[in-house]
Amino acid sequence: MDEALPRVVPPAKTPGLFALLRLSARNPIEVWPREVYEEDLFHLPGPAGGLIFLSAPELVQEALVSSVNAFGRSKEFLDTIRPLVGNSIVASDGPRWRFQRSFCAPLFRPEQIDKFSQGMLDASVEAAERLIASSEHKPISLLAEMMHLSLTSIAKTMLSDQAMLNSERVIGAISNYLKEVPKAALYSTLGLPKWILRPGKKSQLRARDFLHIEMKRIIDERKARGLETGRCPDDLLDLLLSAEKQAECGAFGEKDVLHNLLTFVAAGYETTGVAMAWTIYLVSLHPETENLILAELDEVTRGEPIKPCHLNRLVYLRQVVSESLRLYPPIAAMARRVVEPVTIGGNRLDKNTTVMISPYVIHRHRKLWDYPDHFNPDNFSPSRAAGRHRYAYLPFGAGQRICIGMSFAMTEMLIAVGTLVRTLRFSSTAIRPPNLQLRIALHPSDGLPMRATRRGQVNHDLKAD
């Protein structure tokens, strides 16, 4: 059934300037030509010098590891994301980034993620029960449901209190902000003044303002309860409030707490929710994969809820999730700006050159993968994975800025996908495959309409300790 898999069909030729600008504002991935999927390095002409695509793993390693100090975050990325998250961990460099990274790192240690697993399981069971109830009457949007699950999981783990979040409004506001990112990035590329009112800017700013107000409300409520002196942080918000108290004057203030809280909520919910939706969609198209997942779950868990002790033994389920992340990496593109002249793979890159490292392109590159547009979990069998270049697969980025929440996200996806597939059978109700839309995450255009039917009697004891 791989002919039904959504993919981007590269344009037959590079669009002219007007078409390039129009497509870039709507969905930039549509302008990437066939050559980026075939060549190690490719220059795509465009405004402000265009883009240099680095697609060979060796070149990616040079840029992200060996010559990392020659690269900074792209102007377009910072211009579009900083109004939302300020100088948080995702939008800072240098000492400020290192301080935030080191302070947040304890939250993502294996023992802490194991503690989070019960919240992830509870969120997954609630999602299964909600799907059973709603899908009996009409098809559901799988994307919307997985977004809701992901945000619930974050609330139960990172915030320790789901009721603190106004979930529906937060989801809508994040979506409204991020869908305008391609337009905002194009305006930044063209060097247009920030005061120019582009289409969609007002709604984007309203979404930002709501999210800031919502995060401040959550922070103020937590502060009002009081932070016990010397208490080890229990969740993300406690950790951030501890950083505010311990940092030198002005190094990490109230706005930094707000911006980092919003960063983890928005980035964690958005990317993981999209990834879970794509994974379940792929499983629904491949019954043989579904059967192998069910057999493995039965063998490993013996009917119990999925626990941390099971995860290393769910080898095939991990292969399925990994293959889904290959075909539809949540972060499909990472732009970098050259801050000092550098030579990569024998090619000199001048200062201010914009370099594109695209996991979507690399994961479908003709030199790196057999049948790159097909779904094949065996791509991640232990033998195949062992022989693959480290930088041929980077769903969570790479180098020193590799996603700090990678282990959290993988644990959540294994628990959620395993729980949902064991409980429900999913079938697509779409007439045609969805198109792919690049915002910050890689979205299906139609929300993935699905029918979810009960596989058997729902086990209401899944929430057992």
Protein backbone atom coordinates (compact mmCIF):
# COMPACT_ATOMS: atom_id res chain seq x y z
CA MET A 1 0.00 0.00 0.00
CA ASP A 2 3.03 2.28 -0.13
CA GLU A 3 1.70 4.01 -3.22
CA ALA A 4 -0.77 5.74 -0.85
CA LEU A 5 1.93 7.23 1.36
CA PRO A 6 1.96 11.03 1.36
CA ARG A 7 5.12 12.57 -0.02
CA VAL A 8 6.28 15.82 -1.55
CA VAL A 9 6.75 15.57 -5.32
CA PRO A 10 9.66 17.88 -6.21
CA PRO A 11 8.99 20.45 -8.93
CA ALA A 12 10.16 19.51 -12.42
CA LYS A 13 12.26 22.68 -12.49
CA THR A 14 13.14 25.44 -10.05
CA PRO A 15 10.20 27.88 -9.95
CA GLY A 16 10.64 31.46 -11.13
CA LEU A 17 11.05 34.20 -8.55
CA PHE A 18 7.34 35.06 -8.22
CA ALA A 19 6.29 31.41 -7.92
CA LEU A 20 9.17 30.77 -5.54
CA LEU A 21 8.02 33.55 -3.21
CA ARG A 22 4.38 32.44 -3.37
CA LEU A 23 5.19 28.79 -2.65
CA SER A 24 7.69 29.66 0.09
CA ALA A 25 5.04 31.70 1.90
CA ARG A 26 2.54 28.84 1.63
CA ASN A 27 4.64 25.69 2.02
CA PRO A 28 8.42 26.04 1.48
CA ILE A 29 9.06 22.30 1.18
CA GLU A 30 7.25 22.35 -2.20
CA VAL A 31 10.03 24.39 -3.84
CA TRP A 32 12.85 21.98 -2.98
CA PRO A 33 13.93 20.39 -6.29
CA ARG A 34 14.80 16.79 -7.07
CA GLU A 35 18.53 17.52 -6.82
CA VAL A 36 18.44 18.05 -3.04
CA TYR A 37 17.40 14.38 -2.69
CA GLU A 38 20.24 13.20 -4.94
CA GLU A 39 23.29 15.43 -4.40
CA ASP A 40 25.57 15.84 -1.40
CA LEU A 41 25.45 19.63 -1.58
CA PHE A 42 23.06 21.74 -3.63
CA HIS A 43 22.57 25.49 -4.00
CA LEU A 44 18.92 26.48 -4.34
CA PRO A 45 18.80 30.03 -5.73
CA GLY A 46 16.45 32.49 -4.08
CA PRO A 47 16.18 35.73 -2.13
CA ALA A 48 19.21 36.79 -0.06
CA GLY A 49 21.48 34.28 -1.81
CA GLY A 50 19.18 31.29 -1.53
CA LEU A 51 19.94 28.12 0.44
CA ILE A 52 22.85 25.69 0.52
CA PHE A 53 21.45 22.20 1.21
CA LEU A 54 23.86 19.87 3.01
CA SER A 55 22.59 16.31 2.60
CA ALA A 56 25.62 14.02 2.87
CA PRO A 57 26.02 12.73 6.46
CA GLU A 58 29.71 13.64 6.41
CA LEU A 59 28.89 17.25 5.53
CA VAL A 60 26.17 17.41 8.17
CA GLN A 61 28.65 16.15 10.76
CA GLU A 62 31.16 18.82 9.72
CA ALA A 63 28.57 21.59 10.05
CA LEU A 64 26.97 20.44 13.32
CA VAL A 65 30.01 19.03 15.09
CA SER A 66 33.47 19.70 13.63
CA SER A 67 32.80 23.31 12.55
CA VAL A 68 29.87 24.08 14.84
CA ASN A 69 31.32 27.42 15.98
CA ALA A 70 31.15 28.73 12.41
CA PHE A 71 27.36 28.43 12.41
CA GLY A 72 24.58 30.20 14.30
CA ARG A 73 20.80 30.11 14.26
CA SER A 74 19.34 31.52 11.07
CA LYS A 75 17.94 35.05 11.11
CA GLU A 76 14.66 33.78 9.68
CA PHE A 77 14.22 31.24 12.47
CA LEU A 78 15.00 33.74 15.20
CA ASP A 79 12.78 36.43 13.69
CA THR A 80 9.82 34.05 13.59
CA ILE A 81 10.24 32.27 16.93
CA ARG A 82 11.58 34.92 19.30
CA PRO A 83 8.33 36.91 19.47
CA LEU A 84 6.84 33.74 20.97
CA VAL A 85 9.64 32.29 23.12
CA GLY A 86 12.14 35.13 23.58
CA ASN A 87 15.71 34.04 24.34
CA SER A 88 14.70 30.66 25.69
CA ILE A 89 16.72 27.48 25.27
CA VAL A 90 15.53 27.02 21.68
CA ALA A 91 16.39 30.56 20.55
CA SER A 92 19.65 31.38 22.35
CA ASP A 93 23.33 30.69 21.77
CA GLY A 94 26.58 30.79 23.72
CA PRO A 95 26.73 31.01 27.54
CA ARG A 96 23.02 31.79 27.84
CA TRP A 97 22.09 28.64 25.94
CA ARG A 98 24.58 26.51 27.90
CA PHE A 99 23.18 27.75 31.23
CA GLN A 100 19.59 26.93 30.25
CA ARG A 101 20.55 23.57 28.78
CA SER A 102 22.52 22.48 31.84
CA PHE A 103 19.81 23.62 34.24
CA CYS A 104 17.04 21.74 32.40
CA ALA A 105 19.09 18.57 31.81
CA PRO A 106 18.19 16.81 35.11
CA LEU A 107 14.55 16.73 34.06
CA PHE A 108 15.42 14.38 31.19
CA ARG A 109 17.61 11.84 32.98
CA PRO A 110 16.48 8.21 32.54
CA GLU A 111 15.33 7.84 36.14
CA GLN A 112 13.20 10.98 35.88
CA ILE A 113 11.65 9.88 32.58
CA ASP A 114 10.77 6.55 34.21
CA LYS A 115 8.84 8.53 36.83
CA PHE A 116 7.01 10.38 34.05
CA SER A 117 5.90 7.13 32.38
CA GLN A 118 2.78 6.72 34.53
CA GLY A 119 1.53 10.17 33.48
CA MET A 120 2.18 9.23 29.85
CA LEU A 121 0.24 5.99 30.28
CA ASP A 122 -2.68 7.73 31.98
CA ALA A 123 -2.86 10.28 29.14
CA SER A 124 -2.82 7.44 26.58
CA VAL A 125 -5.60 5.50 28.29
CA GLU A 126 -7.73 8.63 28.54
CA ALA A 127 -7.15 9.23 24.82
CA ALA A 128 -8.23 5.65 23.98
CA GLU A 129 -11.42 6.00 26.00
CA ARG A 130 -12.17 9.37 24.41
CA LEU A 131 -11.59 7.94 20.92
CA ILE A 132 -13.90 5.02 21.56
CA ALA A 133 -16.66 7.36 22.69
CA SER A 134 -16.28 9.91 19.89
CA SER A 135 -15.51 7.65 16.94
CA GLU A 136 -18.70 5.65 17.47
CA HIS A 137 -20.63 8.65 16.11
CA LYS A 138 -18.31 10.16 13.47
CA PRO A 139 -14.74 10.01 12.15
CA ILE A 140 -12.15 11.74 14.28
CA SER A 141 -9.17 13.90 13.33
CA LEU A 142 -6.26 11.71 14.34
CA LEU A 143 -3.92 14.71 14.34
CA ALA A 144 -6.16 16.71 16.69
CA GLU A 145 -6.55 13.73 19.02
CA MET A 146 -2.81 13.07 19.17
CA MET A 147 -2.16 16.76 19.81
CA HIS A 148 -4.61 16.60 22.70
CA LEU A 149 -2.94 13.45 24.02
CA SER A 150 0.51 15.01 23.79
CA LEU A 151 -0.53 18.18 25.61
CA THR A 152 -2.27 16.13 28.30
CA SER A 153 0.90 14.09 28.76
CA ILE A 154 2.98 17.26 29.15
CA ALA A 155 0.52 18.65 31.67
CA LYS A 156 0.62 15.44 33.72
CA THR A 157 4.41 15.18 33.68
CA MET A 158 6.03 18.58 33.12
CA LEU A 159 3.39 20.50 35.08
CA SER A 160 2.11 17.77 37.42
CA ASP A 161 -1.41 19.11 36.98
CA GLN A 162 -3.44 18.78 33.79
CA ALA A 163 -6.11 21.16 35.09
CA MET A 164 -3.61 24.01 35.07
CA LEU A 165 -3.73 24.23 31.26
CA ASN A 166 -6.60 25.60 29.21
CA SER A 167 -5.89 22.80 26.73
CA GLU A 168 -8.24 23.61 23.86
CA ARG A 169 -7.28 27.29 23.72
CA VAL A 170 -3.58 26.50 24.08
CA ILE A 171 -3.74 24.04 21.17
CA GLY A 172 -5.60 26.57 19.00
CA ALA A 173 -3.21 29.39 19.83
CA ILE A 174 -0.07 27.36 19.13
CA SER A 175 -1.56 26.19 15.83
CA ASN A 176 -2.53 29.75 14.84
CA TYR A 177 0.95 31.02 15.62
CA LEU A 178 2.90 28.27 13.87
CA LYS A 179 0.82 28.18 10.68
CA GLU A 180 1.99 31.73 9.96
CA VAL A 181 5.68 30.90 10.37
CA PRO A 182 6.43 30.31 6.64
CA LYS A 183 5.04 33.75 5.76
CA ALA A 184 6.95 35.41 8.58
CA ALA A 185 10.16 33.63 7.54
CA LEU A 186 9.76 34.83 3.95
CA TYR A 187 9.29 38.43 5.09
CA SER A 188 12.45 38.09 7.19
CA THR A 189 14.37 36.65 4.22
CA LEU A 190 13.32 39.60 2.08
CA GLY A 191 14.50 41.99 4.78
CA LEU A 192 11.12 43.70 5.07
CA PRO A 193 10.57 45.90 8.16
CA LYS A 194 8.94 44.16 11.10
CA TRP A 195 6.25 46.83 11.30
CA ILE A 196 4.79 45.84 7.91
CA LEU A 197 1.40 44.18 8.39
CA ARG A 198 1.61 40.91 6.49
CA PRO A 199 -1.43 38.63 6.03
CA GLY A 200 -2.08 36.64 9.18
CA LYS A 201 0.16 38.75 11.42
CA LYS A 202 -2.66 40.07 13.63
CA SER A 203 -3.99 36.58 14.39
CA GLN A 204 -0.45 35.38 15.07
CA LEU A 205 0.16 38.18 17.57
CA ARG A 206 -3.18 37.51 19.28
CA ALA A 207 -2.16 33.87 19.64
CA ARG A 208 1.20 34.89 21.10
CA ASP A 209 -0.41 37.28 23.59
CA PHE A 210 -2.85 34.63 24.79
CA LEU A 211 -0.07 32.08 25.28
CA HIS A 212 2.00 34.55 27.26
CA ILE A 213 -0.98 35.40 29.47
CA GLU A 214 -1.76 31.71 29.98
CA MET A 215 1.83 30.83 30.91
CA LYS A 216 2.00 33.79 33.33
CA ARG A 217 -1.21 32.65 34.98
CA ILE A 218 0.22 29.17 35.51
CA ILE A 219 3.47 30.59 36.90
CA ASP A 220 1.69 32.99 39.25
CA GLU A 221 -0.55 30.20 40.56
CA ARG A 222 2.46 28.00 41.25
CA LYS A 223 4.31 30.85 42.99
CA ALA A 224 1.28 31.58 45.11
CA ARG A 225 1.42 28.03 46.45
CA GLY A 226 5.02 28.61 47.39
CA LEU A 227 8.22 26.83 46.48
CA GLU A 228 9.61 24.95 49.47
CA THR A 229 13.18 25.94 50.24
CA GLY A 230 15.71 23.30 49.29
CA ARG A 231 13.13 20.97 47.75
CA CYS A 232 14.30 19.03 44.72
CA PRO A 233 12.27 20.18 41.69
CA ASP A 234 9.40 17.82 40.93
CA ASP A 235 8.53 19.09 37.47
CA LEU A 236 9.56 21.53 34.77
CA LEU A 237 7.94 24.56 36.33
CA ASP A 238 9.56 23.97 39.73
CA LEU A 239 12.90 23.56 37.96
CA LEU A 240 12.51 26.86 36.10
CA LEU A 241 11.46 28.70 39.23
CA SER A 242 14.52 27.28 41.02
CA ALA A 243 16.71 28.54 38.17
CA GLU A 244 15.24 32.01 38.62
CA LYS A 245 16.12 31.96 42.32
CA GLN A 246 19.62 30.55 41.90
CA ALA A 247 20.80 32.50 38.85
CA GLU A 248 22.93 35.58 39.24
CA CYS A 249 21.01 38.86 39.13
CA GLY A 250 19.51 39.36 35.69
CA ALA A 251 20.85 36.10 34.25
CA PHE A 252 17.51 34.28 34.37
CA GLY A 253 14.41 36.28 35.25
CA GLU A 254 10.63 36.07 35.18
CA LYS A 255 10.44 36.41 31.39
CA ASP A 256 12.95 33.57 31.00
CA VAL A 257 10.78 31.31 33.16
CA LEU A 258 7.74 32.17 31.03
CA HIS A 259 9.55 31.79 27.69
CA ASN A 260 11.13 28.45 28.60
CA LEU A 261 7.89 27.07 30.00
CA LEU A 262 6.16 27.99 26.75
CA THR A 263 9.04 26.51 24.71
CA PHE A 264 8.73 23.10 26.35
CA VAL A 265 4.94 23.11 26.22
CA ALA A 266 4.72 24.22 22.58
CA ALA A 267 7.67 22.30 21.15
CA GLY A 268 7.02 19.12 23.11
CA TYR A 269 3.32 18.98 22.39
CA GLU A 270 3.54 19.97 18.72
CA THR A 271 6.34 17.68 17.55
CA THR A 272 5.34 14.60 19.54
CA GLY A 273 1.66 14.95 18.69
CA VAL A 274 2.41 15.13 14.96
CA ALA A 275 4.82 12.17 15.19
CA MET A 276 2.27 9.97 16.97
CA ALA A 277 -0.39 10.83 14.39
CA TRP A 278 1.87 9.87 11.48
CA THR A 279 2.91 6.63 13.21
CA ILE A 280 -0.63 5.43 13.85
CA TYR A 281 -1.61 6.46 10.31
CA LEU A 282 1.22 4.31 8.89
CA VAL A 283 0.26 1.35 11.10
CA SER A 284 -3.34 1.64 9.89
CA LEU A 285 -2.13 1.27 6.29
CA HIS A 286 -0.02 -1.82 7.01
CA PRO A 287 -1.97 -4.68 8.69
CA GLU A 288 1.11 -6.93 8.79
CA THR A 289 2.93 -4.29 10.83
CA GLU A 290 -0.06 -3.93 13.14
CA ASN A 291 -0.13 -7.70 13.75
CA LEU A 292 3.58 -7.80 14.56
CA ILE A 293 3.17 -4.94 17.06
CA LEU A 294 0.27 -6.73 18.76
CA ALA A 295 2.20 -10.00 18.96
CA GLU A 296 5.22 -8.27 20.47
CA LEU A 297 3.09 -6.40 23.02
CA ASP A 298 1.44 -9.67 24.09
CA GLU A 299 4.80 -11.41 24.46
CA VAL A 300 6.57 -8.60 26.32
CA THR A 301 3.85 -7.15 28.55
CA ARG A 302 1.69 -10.27 29.14
CA GLY A 303 -1.38 -8.03 29.08
CA GLU A 304 -0.01 -5.51 31.57
CA PRO A 305 0.15 -1.76 30.91
CA ILE A 306 3.35 -0.70 29.17
CA LYS A 307 5.97 0.08 31.82
CA PRO A 308 9.55 1.37 31.65
CA CYS A 309 10.86 -2.17 32.15
CA HIS A 310 9.14 -3.23 28.90
CA LEU A 311 10.49 -0.51 26.62
CA ASN A 312 13.88 -2.01 25.75
CA ARG A 313 12.17 -5.26 24.80
CA LEU A 314 9.65 -3.62 22.46
CA VAL A 315 12.18 -3.84 19.64
CA TYR A 316 9.77 -3.98 16.72
CA LEU A 317 7.52 -1.19 18.03
CA ARG A 318 10.62 1.00 18.33
CA GLN A 319 11.53 0.14 14.72
CA VAL A 320 8.05 1.21 13.59
CA VAL A 321 8.27 4.52 15.46
CA SER A 322 11.79 5.10 14.11
CA GLU A 323 10.66 4.45 10.53
CA SER A 324 7.73 6.82 10.97
CA LEU A 325 10.18 9.49 12.18
CA ARG A 326 12.29 8.82 9.10
CA LEU A 327 9.44 9.33 6.66
CA TYR A 328 7.83 12.22 8.56
CA PRO A 329 10.39 13.82 10.88
CA PRO A 330 8.53 16.35 13.05
CA ILE A 331 11.27 18.94 12.50
CA ALA A 332 11.78 18.63 8.77
CA ALA A 333 14.28 21.46 8.31
CA MET A 334 17.01 23.18 10.33
CA ALA A 335 18.46 26.40 8.97
CA ARG A 336 21.87 27.70 10.04
CA ARG A 337 23.65 30.97 9.24
CA VAL A 338 27.39 31.06 8.61
CA VAL A 339 28.85 33.48 11.19
CA GLU A 340 32.46 33.14 10.02
CA PRO A 341 33.82 31.84 6.69
CA VAL A 342 34.15 28.07 6.73
CA THR A 343 35.01 25.22 4.36
CA ILE A 344 32.63 22.26 4.35
CA GLY A 345 33.47 19.28 2.18
CA GLY A 346 35.93 21.37 0.22
CA ASN A 347 33.32 24.08 -0.43
CA ARG A 348 33.94 27.57 0.97
CA LEU A 349 30.87 29.12 2.59
CA ASP A 350 31.00 32.87 3.11
CA LYS A 351 29.69 34.72 6.14
CA ASN A 352 25.88 35.13 6.21
CA THR A 353 25.32 32.17 3.89
CA THR A 354 22.18 30.26 4.89
CA VAL A 355 22.66 26.52 5.14
CA MET A 356 19.72 24.10 5.20
CA ILE A 357 20.04 20.73 6.92
CA SER A 358 16.77 18.94 6.29
CA PRO A 359 16.00 15.67 8.07
CA TYR A 360 13.14 15.17 5.60
CA VAL A 361 15.56 15.38 2.66
CA ILE A 362 18.32 13.33 4.31
CA HIS A 363 15.84 10.62 5.34
CA ARG A 364 14.70 10.27 1.72
CA HIS A 365 18.05 10.79 0.02
CA ARG A 366 18.64 8.40 -2.87
CA LYS A 367 22.26 7.72 -1.86
CA LEU A 368 21.40 6.79 1.70
CA TRP A 369 18.25 4.65 1.62
CA ASP A 370 16.84 1.80 -0.48
CA TYR A 371 13.30 2.66 -1.60
CA PRO A 372 13.39 5.88 0.46
CA ASP A 373 9.70 6.75 -0.01
CA HIS A 374 8.45 3.36 1.20
CA PHE A 375 7.53 2.31 4.72
CA ASN A 376 9.90 -0.39 5.96
CA PRO A 377 10.47 -0.83 9.72
CA ASP A 378 13.31 -3.23 8.91
CA ASN A 379 15.36 -0.14 8.06
CA PHE A 380 15.89 0.01 11.83
CA SER A 381 16.60 -3.63 12.57
CA PRO A 382 19.71 -3.87 14.78
CA SER A 383 21.90 -5.10 11.91
CA ARG A 384 20.90 -2.32 9.50
CA ALA A 385 21.01 0.42 12.09
CA ALA A 386 24.50 -0.62 13.23
CA GLY A 387 25.97 -0.02 9.78
CA ARG A 388 24.37 3.39 9.18
CA HIS A 389 26.22 6.69 9.43
CA ARG A 390 25.20 8.52 12.60
CA TYR A 391 24.18 11.61 10.61
CA ALA A 392 22.07 9.79 8.03
CA TYR A 393 19.19 9.79 10.52
CA LEU A 394 18.46 12.82 12.68
CA PRO A 395 14.78 13.12 13.66
CA PHE A 396 15.81 14.95 16.84
CA GLY A 397 18.60 16.99 15.29
CA ALA A 398 22.26 16.34 16.01
CA GLY A 399 25.37 17.77 17.57
CA GLN A 400 25.39 19.85 20.73
CA ARG A 401 21.86 21.12 20.04
CA ILE A 402 20.30 17.69 19.74
CA CYS A 403 16.79 17.79 21.21
CA ILE A 404 17.04 17.72 25.00
CA GLY A 405 13.66 15.97 25.16
CA MET A 406 14.56 13.11 22.78
CA SER A 407 14.30 10.31 25.36
CA PHE A 408 11.12 11.83 26.80
CA ALA A 409 9.54 11.93 23.33
CA MET A 410 10.54 8.38 22.39
CA THR A 411 9.22 7.02 25.70
CA GLU A 412 5.94 8.87 25.23
CA MET A 413 5.54 7.63 21.65
CA LEU A 414 6.25 4.00 22.55
CA ILE A 415 3.77 4.06 25.43
CA ALA A 416 1.08 5.99 23.55
CA VAL A 417 1.29 4.16 20.21
CA GLY A 418 1.52 0.77 21.91
CA THR A 419 -1.45 1.50 24.18
CA LEU A 420 -3.64 2.88 21.40
CA VAL A 421 -2.84 0.19 18.82
CA ARG A 422 -3.50 -2.53 21.39
CA THR A 423 -6.84 -0.98 22.34
CA LEU A 424 -8.13 0.31 18.98
CA ARG A 425 -8.14 -0.51 15.30
CA PHE A 426 -7.68 2.59 13.12
CA SER A 427 -8.82 2.99 9.52
CA SER A 428 -8.55 6.04 7.32
CA THR A 429 -11.73 7.66 6.01
CA ALA A 430 -9.88 10.04 3.65
CA ILE A 431 -10.64 9.98 -0.07
CA ARG A 432 -7.02 10.71 -0.99
CA PRO A 433 -3.67 10.87 0.82
CA PRO A 434 -2.96 14.18 2.58
CA ASN A 435 -0.47 16.73 1.37
CA LEU A 436 2.48 17.60 3.57
CA GLN A 437 2.66 21.08 5.07
CA LEU A 438 5.83 22.44 6.60
CA ARG A 439 5.24 24.84 9.49
CA ILE A 440 7.83 24.10 12.12
CA ALA A 441 6.58 20.52 12.36
CA LEU A 442 5.59 18.49 9.28
CA HIS A 443 1.78 18.38 9.23
CA PRO A 444 -0.74 16.37 7.21
CA SER A 445 -3.00 18.81 5.36
CA ASP A 446 -6.27 17.04 6.21
CA GLY A 447 -5.72 16.24 9.89
CA LEU A 448 -5.83 12.50 9.09
CA PRO A 449 -9.56 11.65 9.37
CA MET A 450 -9.88 8.19 10.87
CA ARG A 451 -12.36 5.73 12.27
CA ALA A 452 -11.27 4.18 15.57
CA THR A 453 -13.05 1.00 16.62
CA ARG A 454 -12.73 -0.95 19.84
CA ARG A 455 -10.39 -3.92 19.45
CA GLY A 456 -11.89 -5.64 22.46
CA GLN A 457 -13.27 -4.80 25.85
CA VAL A 458 -11.39 -1.75 27.09
CA ASN A 459 -9.22 -2.63 30.08
CA HIS A 460 -10.20 -0.06 32.69
CA ASP A 461 -7.42 -1.36 34.93
CA LEU A 462 -4.70 0.00 32.62
CA LYS A 463 -4.12 2.88 35.03
CA ALA A 464 -3.01 0.48 37.72
CA ASP A 465 0.16 1.47 39.57
